[in-house]
Amino acid sequence: MRQLQETIEIATRGAGLYEFTPALRRMIFGSSIGTGLVTAYCRHTSASLLIQENADPDVQTDLQGFFRRLAPEGMDWIAHVTEGPDDMPAHIRAALTQISVSIPVSRGGPLLGAWQGIYLFEHRTRPHRRDVVLHLIGDSV
């Protein structure tokens, strides 16, 4: 059994979904691990991870609209306002999604569905640099 770990940095331009499936595939393909499990972990509390459709961009538009409506800026009841009006809504959105995803690996590649991609979901309105840790464990090819 072998293990590898790599941290990738994703530069965001503000709120939105940022696909990093190609980086995950490169890590797996370069590892010589044929069968195993890869986990992606977001090291932040105002961004999250999703496995989502990557064929139709309307899916991303609708997801972002849904979360903006669910946890909008300007909620007058929130106490945490020191980091700006978008910060607490970003924490709520991250709490409702996930900060890690695991994908089975077979034949040296992730077992994603035909239309699935792996995304960092940036919940803040200004640009950030986000770290995602990739951890791969499995048996050699």
Protein backbone atom coordinates (compact mmCIF):
# COMPACT_ATOMS: atom_id res chain seq x y z
CA MET A 1 0.00 0.00 0.00
CA ARG A 2 1.31 3.43 -0.94
CA GLN A 3 0.24 6.94 0.05
CA LEU A 4 0.85 10.31 -1.53
CA GLN A 5 -0.16 13.79 -0.50
CA GLU A 6 -0.11 17.02 -2.48
CA THR A 7 -1.49 20.48 -1.83
CA ILE A 8 -2.82 22.47 -4.75
CA GLU A 9 -3.53 26.19 -4.65
CA ILE A 10 -6.62 27.50 -6.39
CA ALA A 11 -6.77 31.23 -7.09
CA THR A 12 -10.37 32.40 -7.11
CA ARG A 13 -11.77 35.54 -8.69
CA GLY A 14 -14.62 35.73 -6.20
CA ALA A 15 -17.72 33.66 -5.56
CA GLY A 16 -18.16 30.72 -7.90
CA LEU A 17 -17.20 27.16 -8.72
CA TYR A 18 -13.64 26.39 -9.78
CA GLU A 19 -13.04 22.96 -11.31
CA PHE A 20 -9.82 21.20 -10.36
CA THR A 21 -10.52 17.74 -11.81
CA PRO A 22 -7.49 17.95 -14.17
CA ALA A 23 -5.11 18.56 -11.22
CA LEU A 24 -6.57 15.60 -9.35
CA ARG A 25 -6.24 13.37 -12.44
CA ARG A 26 -2.59 14.45 -12.92
CA MET A 27 -1.78 13.57 -9.32
CA ILE A 28 -3.33 10.10 -9.66
CA PHE A 29 -1.83 9.37 -13.09
CA GLY A 30 1.63 10.36 -11.87
CA SER A 31 1.44 8.20 -8.77
CA SER A 32 1.61 4.63 -10.14
CA ILE A 33 -1.35 3.77 -7.86
CA GLY A 34 -3.86 1.67 -9.76
CA THR A 35 -6.54 0.94 -7.15
CA GLY A 36 -7.33 3.03 -4.10
CA LEU A 37 -9.03 6.14 -2.80
CA VAL A 38 -8.30 9.82 -3.29
CA THR A 39 -9.59 12.40 -0.86
CA ALA A 40 -9.69 16.14 -1.48
CA TYR A 41 -9.80 18.36 1.62
CA CYS A 42 -10.42 22.13 1.66
CA ARG A 43 -8.39 23.93 4.35
CA HIS A 44 -10.83 26.85 4.70
CA THR A 45 -14.09 27.69 6.48
CA SER A 46 -15.64 29.98 3.87
CA ALA A 47 -15.16 27.72 0.84
CA SER A 48 -16.17 24.11 0.23
CA LEU A 49 -15.88 21.22 -2.21
CA LEU A 50 -18.45 19.69 -4.54
CA ILE A 51 -18.67 16.90 -7.04
CA GLN A 52 -21.02 18.34 -9.61
CA GLU A 53 -21.99 18.30 -13.26
CA ASN A 54 -19.37 19.85 -15.52
CA ALA A 55 -21.25 19.73 -18.85
CA ASP A 56 -23.84 22.51 -18.55
CA PRO A 57 -22.68 25.83 -16.98
CA ASP A 58 -26.31 26.60 -16.06
CA VAL A 59 -25.96 24.06 -13.24
CA GLN A 60 -23.25 26.22 -11.65
CA THR A 61 -25.28 29.39 -12.17
CA ASP A 62 -28.33 27.83 -10.52
CA LEU A 63 -26.32 26.42 -7.58
CA GLN A 64 -24.76 29.81 -6.90
CA GLY A 65 -28.16 31.50 -7.10
CA PHE A 66 -29.68 28.97 -4.71
CA PHE A 67 -26.97 29.46 -2.07
CA ARG A 68 -27.11 33.27 -2.43
CA ARG A 69 -30.83 33.10 -1.69
CA LEU A 70 -30.41 30.58 1.12
CA ALA A 71 -27.69 32.58 2.93
CA PRO A 72 -27.75 36.14 1.55
CA GLU A 73 -25.58 39.04 2.57
CA GLY A 74 -27.25 41.61 4.79
CA MET A 75 -28.97 39.30 7.27
CA ASP A 76 -29.58 41.68 10.15
CA TRP A 77 -29.53 38.99 12.85
CA ILE A 78 -25.91 37.81 12.40
CA ALA A 79 -23.27 38.76 14.99
CA HIS A 80 -20.07 37.87 13.07
CA VAL A 81 -19.52 40.94 10.89
CA THR A 82 -15.83 41.79 11.52
CA GLU A 83 -14.61 40.24 8.24
CA GLY A 84 -17.21 41.87 6.00
CA PRO A 85 -20.83 41.33 5.00
CA ASP A 86 -20.03 38.28 2.83
CA ASP A 87 -18.10 36.33 5.48
CA MET A 88 -20.84 34.87 7.70
CA PRO A 89 -23.03 33.92 4.71
CA ALA A 90 -19.92 32.18 3.31
CA HIS A 91 -19.50 30.22 6.57
CA ILE A 92 -23.16 29.17 6.45
CA ARG A 93 -22.85 28.01 2.81
CA ALA A 94 -19.69 26.05 3.65
CA ALA A 95 -21.43 24.44 6.64
CA LEU A 96 -24.26 23.28 4.36
CA THR A 97 -21.94 21.73 1.80
CA GLN A 98 -18.72 19.81 2.54
CA ILE A 99 -15.01 20.39 2.97
CA SER A 100 -13.87 16.95 1.82
CA VAL A 101 -14.81 14.48 -0.89
CA SER A 102 -13.47 10.98 -1.55
CA ILE A 103 -13.37 9.28 -4.94
CA PRO A 104 -12.51 5.64 -5.63
CA VAL A 105 -9.52 5.06 -7.92
CA SER A 106 -9.39 2.19 -10.40
CA ARG A 107 -7.01 1.46 -13.29
CA GLY A 108 -4.99 4.53 -12.33
CA GLY A 109 -7.82 7.05 -12.58
CA PRO A 110 -10.70 8.49 -10.55
CA LEU A 111 -14.03 6.68 -10.95
CA LEU A 112 -16.00 9.82 -11.77
CA GLY A 113 -19.20 9.70 -13.76
CA ALA A 114 -19.30 10.97 -17.33
CA TRP A 115 -20.48 14.47 -16.37
CA GLN A 116 -18.88 14.79 -12.93
CA GLY A 117 -16.20 17.30 -12.03
CA ILE A 118 -14.59 18.23 -8.73
CA TYR A 119 -14.99 21.88 -7.72
CA LEU A 120 -13.85 24.31 -5.11
CA PHE A 121 -16.94 26.34 -4.23
CA GLU A 122 -15.75 29.84 -3.30
CA HIS A 123 -18.33 31.54 -1.11
CA ARG A 124 -16.59 34.91 -0.60
CA THR A 125 -17.10 37.79 -3.04
CA ARG A 126 -13.46 38.89 -3.25
CA PRO A 127 -10.59 36.83 -4.72
CA HIS A 128 -8.77 34.36 -2.47
CA ARG A 129 -6.03 31.75 -2.69
CA ARG A 130 -7.43 28.45 -1.45
CA ASP A 131 -5.48 25.33 -0.52
CA VAL A 132 -6.88 21.89 -1.27
CA VAL A 133 -5.00 18.87 0.06
CA LEU A 134 -5.14 15.75 -2.11
CA HIS A 135 -4.43 12.47 -0.32
CA LEU A 136 -4.13 9.27 -2.36
CA ILE A 137 -3.86 5.81 -0.84
CA GLY A 138 -3.82 2.52 -2.67
CA ASP A 139 -1.99 -0.31 -4.33
CA SER A 140 0.52 0.08 -7.13
CA VAL A 141 -0.38 -0.74 -10.71
